[in-house]
Protein backbone atom coordinates (compact mmCIF):
# COMPACT_ATOMS: atom_id res chain seq x y z
CA MET A 1 -11.07 -10.02 0.02
CA SER A 2 -12.79 -6.70 0.56
CA ASP A 3 -14.52 -4.93 -2.33
CA GLU A 4 -12.45 -1.84 -1.51
CA LYS A 5 -9.20 -3.48 -2.67
CA LEU A 6 -8.01 -3.45 -6.28
CA LEU A 7 -6.25 -6.67 -7.27
CA PRO A 8 -3.38 -5.88 -9.66
CA LYS A 9 -2.45 -7.95 -12.71
CA ILE A 10 0.88 -9.66 -13.36
CA GLY A 11 3.22 -7.14 -15.00
CA ASP A 12 1.54 -4.10 -13.43
CA LYS A 13 3.84 -1.45 -11.99
CA LEU A 14 2.96 -0.20 -8.52
CA ILE A 15 4.33 3.19 -7.51
CA HIS A 16 4.64 4.54 -3.99
CA ASN A 17 5.25 8.30 -3.69
CA PHE A 18 6.98 9.22 -0.47
CA ARG A 19 5.23 11.77 1.70
CA LYS A 20 8.07 12.97 3.91
CA ARG A 21 10.86 12.91 1.35
CA GLU A 22 11.21 13.43 -2.37
CA GLY A 23 10.94 10.56 -4.77
CA CYS A 24 9.07 7.36 -5.35
CA ILE A 25 9.67 3.64 -5.67
CA THR A 26 8.34 1.29 -8.32
CA ALA A 27 7.54 -2.39 -7.87
CA GLU A 28 6.55 -4.93 -10.51
CA VAL A 29 3.79 -7.47 -9.81
CA ILE A 30 5.18 -10.92 -10.60
CA SER A 31 2.37 -13.15 -9.25
CA VAL A 32 -1.19 -12.80 -7.98
CA ASP A 33 -3.21 -15.34 -5.99
CA ALA A 34 -6.77 -14.02 -6.30
CA LYS A 35 -8.23 -16.62 -3.91
CA ARG A 36 -5.88 -15.69 -1.08
CA GLY A 37 -5.45 -12.06 -2.08
CA ASN A 38 -1.68 -12.45 -2.11
CA VAL A 39 0.50 -10.38 -4.42
CA THR A 40 4.24 -11.00 -5.00
CA LEU A 41 6.39 -8.01 -5.95
CA LYS A 42 9.83 -7.46 -7.42
CA ILE A 43 11.77 -4.32 -6.57
CA GLY A 44 15.15 -4.18 -8.26
CA GLN A 45 16.56 -7.69 -7.82
CA GLU A 46 14.62 -8.40 -4.59
CA ILE A 47 11.41 -10.43 -4.54
CA TYR A 48 8.84 -9.90 -1.79
CA SER A 49 6.13 -12.45 -1.01
CA SER A 50 3.53 -9.82 -0.06
CA LEU A 51 2.64 -6.18 -0.47
CA SER A 52 3.26 -5.62 3.24
CA SER A 53 6.71 -7.25 3.28
CA ALA A 54 7.79 -5.01 0.39
CA ALA A 55 6.40 -1.92 2.13
CA GLN A 56 8.16 -2.85 5.38
CA ALA A 57 11.48 -3.39 3.61
CA ILE A 58 11.26 0.09 2.08
CA SER A 59 9.93 2.03 5.07
CA GLY A 60 11.63 0.14 7.89
CA HIS A 61 8.41 -0.42 9.82
CA ALA A 62 5.14 -2.35 9.51
CA ASN A 63 2.63 -1.06 6.95
CA ASN A 64 -0.62 -2.14 5.43
CA GLY A 65 0.64 -3.08 1.97
CA TRP A 66 -2.71 -2.49 0.28
CA THR A 67 -2.80 1.17 1.34
CA TYR A 68 0.99 1.68 0.97
CA TRP A 69 0.84 0.72 -2.72
CA GLY A 70 -2.44 2.58 -3.34
CA LEU A 71 -4.57 -0.52 -3.95
CA LYS A 72 -6.97 0.27 -1.11
CA LYS A 73 -8.17 3.71 -0.11
CA GLN A 74 -7.11 4.74 3.35
CA LYS A 75 -10.00 5.63 5.61
CA PRO A 76 -9.84 9.26 6.69
CA LYS A 77 -9.11 9.84 10.36
CA LYS A 78 -12.22 10.71 12.31
CA GLN A 79 -12.25 14.33 13.34
CA LYS A 80 -13.36 15.11 16.85
CA PRO A 81 -16.25 17.56 16.82
CA LYS A 82 -15.12 21.05 17.69
CA LYS A 83 -16.46 22.40 20.94
CA GLN A 84 -18.37 25.62 20.56
CA ARG A 85 -17.47 28.37 22.94
CA ALA A 86 -20.18 29.90 25.05
CA ARG A 87 -20.78 33.52 24.10
């Protein structure tokens, strides 16, 4: 597992704040496999076997679960250098 990822502890609450709509969702960590880097979450009555499967169930599309739940910093998009105009 990469050094950039933060492994949560059982009982931790993970919160995802939506960017395009108001609100947030909270998930509870119910198991952690440190060797494999697998985290099982519970949201309401549903149990998800990975961070990514929980994120996909909420958003409706594939996501990197580590960045979705704020456990890994997202790399900033590379900016293309601006072309300077000739004067």
